Amino acid sequence: MSTKIIAIGIKKYLMDRMNWLDGSVVLLSIYEMIYKALQSGTMNLQGFKTLRLFRTLRVFRVMRVLRALKSMQMIVSVMAKSYMSFIYITMLMFLFIYIFALLCMTIFGATMNFSDGTPRSNYDSMLLSIMTTFQVLTMENW
């Protein structure tokens, strides 16, 4: 923030409202660090945890780039027009996961009792069955 103020000057810095957002996020972060250092961990800083969410607003600065690039605007508009197709594909995938979770609960339910205990990924309950089916589908931890 200070480097940008030195580079473009205080007047130009204050003209852009995105700089206001960036400056306030930086100043809140500095205040939080100083306050935390002075309190030395004796207080619960739940209020500052909610203020940290303002840091995510800085991501919206990317939207300024989208206005300048025509090709990027075309890509975003095509994605916006085709989002319904993604919703249908996602719903179909969840339907398949649900069907296979039920099938695996029927076949493998309560059969994975080994000498060292039941593995974390099993088909004993519906939630664990869905998670295990998703793990098998994505080939994660297998």
Protein backbone atom coordinates (compact mmCIF):
# COMPACT_ATOMS: atom_id res chain seq x y z
CA MET A 1 0.00 0.00 0.00
CA SER A 2 2.73 2.46 0.95
CA THR A 3 4.72 1.59 -2.16
CA LYS A 4 1.72 2.33 -4.35
CA ILE A 5 1.12 5.65 -2.58
CA ILE A 6 4.75 6.62 -3.12
CA ALA A 7 4.61 5.53 -6.78
CA ILE A 8 1.40 7.23 -7.90
CA GLY A 9 0.85 9.85 -5.22
CA ILE A 10 -1.80 10.23 -2.58
CA LYS A 11 -4.32 12.02 -4.84
CA LYS A 12 -4.34 9.34 -7.53
CA TYR A 13 -4.38 6.63 -4.90
CA LEU A 14 -7.50 8.04 -3.26
CA MET A 15 -9.30 8.51 -6.59
CA ASP A 16 -9.65 4.77 -7.16
CA ARG A 17 -12.23 3.12 -4.89
CA MET A 18 -10.50 -0.27 -5.16
CA ASN A 19 -7.51 1.33 -3.45
CA TRP A 20 -9.84 2.30 -0.61
CA LEU A 21 -10.78 -1.36 -0.20
CA ASP A 22 -7.15 -2.49 -0.37
CA GLY A 23 -6.03 0.19 2.06
CA SER A 24 -8.73 -0.59 4.59
CA VAL A 25 -7.97 -4.33 4.44
CA VAL A 26 -4.26 -3.66 4.94
CA LEU A 27 -4.86 -1.25 7.82
CA LEU A 28 -7.27 -3.68 9.52
CA SER A 29 -4.71 -6.46 9.17
CA ILE A 30 -1.96 -4.30 10.67
CA TYR A 31 -4.27 -3.27 13.52
CA GLU A 32 -5.15 -6.92 14.15
CA MET A 33 -1.48 -7.95 14.32
CA ILE A 34 -0.62 -5.12 16.71
CA TYR A 35 -3.64 -5.81 18.91
CA LYS A 36 -2.86 -9.51 19.01
CA ALA A 37 0.77 -8.81 19.94
CA LEU A 38 -0.27 -6.44 22.74
CA GLN A 39 -2.84 -8.83 24.19
CA SER A 40 -0.40 -11.77 23.87
CA GLY A 41 -3.14 -14.31 23.29
CA THR A 42 -5.19 -13.56 26.41
CA MET A 43 -8.35 -12.54 24.55
CA ASN A 44 -10.45 -14.37 22.03
CA LEU A 45 -10.33 -12.50 18.70
CA GLN A 46 -13.56 -13.78 17.13
CA GLY A 47 -14.36 -10.30 15.83
CA PHE A 48 -11.14 -10.18 13.87
CA LYS A 49 -11.85 -13.54 12.29
CA THR A 50 -14.92 -12.03 10.67
CA LEU A 51 -12.91 -9.03 9.54
CA ARG A 52 -10.53 -11.38 7.74
CA LEU A 53 -13.33 -12.12 5.32
CA PHE A 54 -12.79 -8.67 3.83
CA ARG A 55 -9.53 -9.97 2.42
CA THR A 56 -11.52 -12.13 0.05
CA LEU A 57 -13.09 -9.01 -1.43
CA ARG A 58 -9.73 -8.18 -2.92
CA VAL A 59 -10.28 -11.06 -5.33
CA PHE A 60 -12.88 -8.95 -7.12
CA ARG A 61 -10.06 -6.82 -8.50
CA VAL A 62 -9.71 -9.47 -11.20
CA MET A 63 -13.06 -8.29 -12.55
CA ARG A 64 -11.38 -5.09 -13.70
CA VAL A 65 -9.19 -7.16 -16.02
CA LEU A 66 -12.24 -8.88 -17.47
CA ARG A 67 -13.67 -5.56 -18.61
CA ALA A 68 -10.55 -4.78 -20.61
CA LEU A 69 -10.11 -8.11 -22.41
CA LYS A 70 -12.75 -8.80 -25.08
CA SER A 71 -11.73 -12.44 -25.50
CA MET A 72 -12.09 -13.01 -21.76
CA GLN A 73 -15.54 -11.42 -21.85
CA MET A 74 -16.54 -13.90 -24.55
CA ILE A 75 -15.30 -16.84 -22.48
CA VAL A 76 -17.18 -15.64 -19.41
CA SER A 77 -20.39 -15.10 -21.40
CA VAL A 78 -20.19 -18.62 -22.89
CA MET A 79 -19.67 -20.07 -19.42
CA ALA A 80 -22.62 -18.07 -18.09
CA LYS A 81 -24.86 -19.35 -20.89
CA SER A 82 -23.85 -22.97 -20.35
CA TYR A 83 -24.05 -23.17 -16.56
CA MET A 84 -27.41 -24.97 -16.71
CA SER A 85 -25.75 -27.85 -18.57
CA PHE A 86 -23.22 -28.16 -15.77
CA ILE A 87 -26.01 -28.26 -13.22
CA TYR A 88 -27.71 -31.14 -15.05
CA ILE A 89 -24.43 -33.07 -15.35
CA THR A 90 -23.72 -32.51 -11.65
CA MET A 91 -27.19 -33.69 -10.67
CA LEU A 92 -26.75 -36.79 -12.84
CA MET A 93 -23.40 -37.54 -11.19
CA PHE A 94 -24.91 -37.21 -7.71
CA LEU A 95 -27.71 -39.55 -8.75
CA PHE A 96 -25.16 -42.16 -9.87
CA ILE A 97 -23.18 -41.72 -6.64
CA TYR A 98 -26.38 -42.20 -4.62
CA ILE A 99 -27.38 -45.32 -6.58
CA PHE A 100 -23.95 -46.91 -6.25
CA ALA A 101 -23.75 -45.98 -2.56
CA LEU A 102 -27.04 -47.82 -1.96
CA LEU A 103 -25.86 -50.79 -4.03
CA CYS A 104 -22.55 -50.98 -2.16
CA MET A 105 -24.32 -50.69 1.19
CA THR A 106 -26.42 -53.68 0.20
CA ILE A 107 -23.46 -55.75 -0.96
CA PHE A 108 -20.63 -54.65 1.35
CA GLY A 109 -22.47 -53.28 4.39
CA ALA A 110 -21.03 -54.53 7.74
CA THR A 111 -18.60 -56.88 5.98
CA MET A 112 -15.41 -54.88 6.44
CA ASN A 113 -14.63 -55.97 10.01
CA PHE A 114 -10.96 -56.86 9.99
CA SER A 115 -8.69 -57.93 12.84
CA ASP A 116 -7.32 -54.39 13.18
CA GLY A 117 -10.77 -52.77 13.13
CA THR A 118 -13.11 -51.27 10.59
CA PRO A 119 -11.44 -49.08 7.96
CA ARG A 120 -12.37 -45.43 7.75
CA SER A 121 -13.79 -45.90 4.25
CA ASN A 122 -16.60 -48.42 4.60
CA TYR A 123 -20.19 -48.96 3.57
CA ASP A 124 -21.84 -49.27 6.98
CA SER A 125 -23.82 -46.01 6.93
CA MET A 126 -25.24 -43.88 4.13
CA LEU A 127 -22.88 -40.95 4.70
CA LEU A 128 -19.80 -43.16 4.80
CA SER A 129 -21.07 -45.05 1.78
CA ILE A 130 -21.46 -41.85 -0.26
CA MET A 131 -18.02 -40.64 0.80
CA THR A 132 -16.42 -43.99 -0.02
CA THR A 133 -18.15 -44.14 -3.40
CA PHE A 134 -16.91 -40.63 -4.14
CA GLN A 135 -13.39 -41.68 -3.14
CA VAL A 136 -13.56 -44.65 -5.48
CA LEU A 137 -14.94 -42.46 -8.27
CA THR A 138 -12.15 -39.89 -7.92
CA MET A 139 -9.49 -42.56 -7.16
CA GLU A 140 -8.48 -40.69 -4.02
CA ASN A 141 -6.73 -42.73 -1.29
CA TRP A 142 -7.06 -46.00 -3.21
